[in-house]
Amino acid sequence: MNSKGNNEEAWQALLDSLNDKLQLGLLDHLRRAKSYHLESSILYIVPSNQSDYSYLTQASNLEPLRIFAEDVISGVSKVEIKSCE
């Protein structure tokens, strides 16, 4: 299995939660993510392309993503989307 980050179990739990709650837009964009990294209380995500970056950085998508991440991944209180360039 190809790892995209430093905590594959937590990442998969987040994807599963989004799937269970039918958050398919967020799920599709996160499945395509180039990588992610959990550091302290921050989940960093690097999208695979500029279109995904634009989608994930919209407040209407970023805030729910933060809430889901906070709920599923212990200790996470912030989500940052990094540039894919």
C-alpha atoms as a PDB file:
ATOM      1  CA  MET A   1       0.000   0.000   0.000  1.00  0.00           C
ATOM      2  CA  ASN A   2       1.327   3.449  -0.906  1.00  0.00           C
ATOM      3  CA  SER A   3       1.451   5.818   2.017  1.00  0.00           C
ATOM      4  CA  LYS A   4       0.652   9.491   1.448  1.00  0.00           C
ATOM      5  CA  GLY A   5       1.529  10.653   4.961  1.00  0.00           C
ATOM      6  CA  ASN A   6       2.668   9.903   8.454  1.00  0.00           C
ATOM      7  CA  ASN A   7      -0.482   8.328   9.949  1.00  0.00           C
ATOM      8  CA  GLU A   8      -2.245   6.115   7.454  1.00  0.00           C
ATOM      9  CA  GLU A   9      -4.725   4.771  10.028  1.00  0.00           C
ATOM     10  CA  ALA A  10      -5.942   8.255  11.024  1.00  0.00           C
ATOM     11  CA  TRP A  11      -6.148   9.346   7.370  1.00  0.00           C
ATOM     12  CA  GLN A  12      -8.234   6.291   6.478  1.00  0.00           C
ATOM     13  CA  ALA A  13     -10.513   6.939   9.478  1.00  0.00           C
ATOM     14  CA  LEU A  14     -11.124  10.474   8.168  1.00  0.00           C
ATOM     15  CA  LEU A  15     -11.913   9.177   4.661  1.00  0.00           C
ATOM     16  CA  ASP A  16     -14.233   6.519   6.108  1.00  0.00           C
ATOM     17  CA  SER A  17     -16.027   9.134   8.209  1.00  0.00           C
ATOM     18  CA  LEU A  18     -16.561  11.377   5.172  1.00  0.00           C
ATOM     19  CA  ASN A  19     -17.896   8.390   3.246  1.00  0.00           C
ATOM     20  CA  ASP A  20     -20.253   7.388   6.075  1.00  0.00           C
ATOM     21  CA  LYS A  21     -21.607  10.944   6.305  1.00  0.00           C
ATOM     22  CA  LEU A  22     -21.987  11.188   2.519  1.00  0.00           C
ATOM     23  CA  GLN A  23     -19.540  14.077   2.235  1.00  0.00           C
ATOM     24  CA  LEU A  24     -18.638  12.859  -1.237  1.00  0.00           C
ATOM     25  CA  GLY A  25     -17.250  16.162  -2.554  1.00  0.00           C
ATOM     26  CA  LEU A  26     -14.702  16.379   0.242  1.00  0.00           C
ATOM     27  CA  LEU A  27     -14.023  12.647   0.010  1.00  0.00           C
ATOM     28  CA  ASP A  28     -13.250  12.758  -3.720  1.00  0.00           C
ATOM     29  CA  HIS A  29     -10.858  15.675  -3.310  1.00  0.00           C
ATOM     30  CA  LEU A  30      -9.078  14.098  -0.341  1.00  0.00           C
ATOM     31  CA  ARG A  31      -8.716  10.719  -2.034  1.00  0.00           C
ATOM     32  CA  ARG A  32      -6.761  12.491  -4.761  1.00  0.00           C
ATOM     33  CA  ALA A  33      -4.518  14.338  -2.283  1.00  0.00           C
ATOM     34  CA  LYS A  34      -0.848  14.164  -3.115  1.00  0.00           C
ATOM     35  CA  SER A  35       0.073  13.896   0.565  1.00  0.00           C
ATOM     36  CA  TYR A  36      -0.883  14.776   4.130  1.00  0.00           C
ATOM     37  CA  HIS A  37       1.041  15.247   7.329  1.00  0.00           C
ATOM     38  CA  LEU A  38      -0.087  15.301  10.951  1.00  0.00           C
ATOM     39  CA  GLU A  39       2.035  17.560  13.108  1.00  0.00           C
ATOM     40  CA  SER A  40       1.017  18.415  16.640  1.00  0.00           C
ATOM     41  CA  SER A  41      -2.601  19.593  16.378  1.00  0.00           C
ATOM     42  CA  ILE A  42      -2.500  20.435  12.645  1.00  0.00           C
ATOM     43  CA  LEU A  43      -3.444  18.274   9.674  1.00  0.00           C
ATOM     44  CA  TYR A  44      -1.579  19.513   6.589  1.00  0.00           C
ATOM     45  CA  ILE A  45      -2.957  18.436   3.217  1.00  0.00           C
ATOM     46  CA  VAL A  46      -1.277  18.859  -0.174  1.00  0.00           C
ATOM     47  CA  PRO A  47      -3.889  18.531  -2.936  1.00  0.00           C
ATOM     48  CA  SER A  48      -3.016  16.858  -6.224  1.00  0.00           C
ATOM     49  CA  ASN A  49      -3.850  19.868  -8.422  1.00  0.00           C
ATOM     50  CA  GLN A  50      -4.873  23.524  -8.418  1.00  0.00           C
ATOM     51  CA  SER A  51      -8.560  22.712  -8.841  1.00  0.00           C
ATOM     52  CA  ASP A  52      -8.551  20.570  -5.692  1.00  0.00           C
ATOM     53  CA  TYR A  53      -6.603  23.290  -3.859  1.00  0.00           C
ATOM     54  CA  SER A  54      -9.246  25.878  -4.811  1.00  0.00           C
ATOM     55  CA  TYR A  55     -12.064  23.587  -3.684  1.00  0.00           C
ATOM     56  CA  LEU A  56     -10.491  22.639  -0.346  1.00  0.00           C
ATOM     57  CA  THR A  57      -9.510  26.200   0.590  1.00  0.00           C
ATOM     58  CA  GLN A  58     -13.052  27.559   0.237  1.00  0.00           C
ATOM     59  CA  ALA A  59     -14.339  28.387   3.719  1.00  0.00           C
ATOM     60  CA  SER A  60     -17.522  26.425   3.011  1.00  0.00           C
ATOM     61  CA  ASN A  61     -15.411  23.281   2.526  1.00  0.00           C
ATOM     62  CA  LEU A  62     -12.481  23.911   4.853  1.00  0.00           C
ATOM     63  CA  GLU A  63     -14.583  24.453   7.976  1.00  0.00           C
ATOM     64  CA  PRO A  64     -16.555  21.192   7.677  1.00  0.00           C
ATOM     65  CA  LEU A  65     -13.290  19.386   6.891  1.00  0.00           C
ATOM     66  CA  ARG A  66     -11.776  20.788  10.095  1.00  0.00           C
ATOM     67  CA  ILE A  67     -14.800  19.644  12.084  1.00  0.00           C
ATOM     68  CA  PHE A  68     -14.652  16.127  10.633  1.00  0.00           C
ATOM     69  CA  ALA A  69     -10.885  15.917  11.212  1.00  0.00           C
ATOM     70  CA  GLU A  70     -11.284  17.184  14.777  1.00  0.00           C
ATOM     71  CA  ASP A  71     -13.966  14.576  15.439  1.00  0.00           C
ATOM     72  CA  VAL A  72     -12.079  11.621  13.941  1.00  0.00           C
ATOM     73  CA  ILE A  73      -8.367  12.296  14.526  1.00  0.00           C
ATOM     74  CA  SER A  74      -7.368  12.663  18.144  1.00  0.00           C
ATOM     75  CA  GLY A  75      -5.633  15.967  18.899  1.00  0.00           C
ATOM     76  CA  VAL A  76      -6.320  17.686  15.576  1.00  0.00           C
ATOM     77  CA  SER A  77      -7.759  21.184  15.926  1.00  0.00           C
ATOM     78  CA  LYS A  78      -6.708  22.782  12.644  1.00  0.00           C
ATOM     79  CA  VAL A  79      -6.501  21.841   8.959  1.00  0.00           C
ATOM     80  CA  GLU A  80      -4.158  23.639   6.588  1.00  0.00           C
ATOM     81  CA  ILE A  81      -4.202  23.173   2.845  1.00  0.00           C
ATOM     82  CA  LYS A  82      -0.773  23.638   1.314  1.00  0.00           C
ATOM     83  CA  SER A  83      -0.123  24.720  -2.237  1.00  0.00           C
ATOM     84  CA  CYS A  84       0.258  21.862  -4.686  1.00  0.00           C
ATOM     85  CA  GLU A  85       2.923  23.742  -6.662  1.00  0.00           C
END
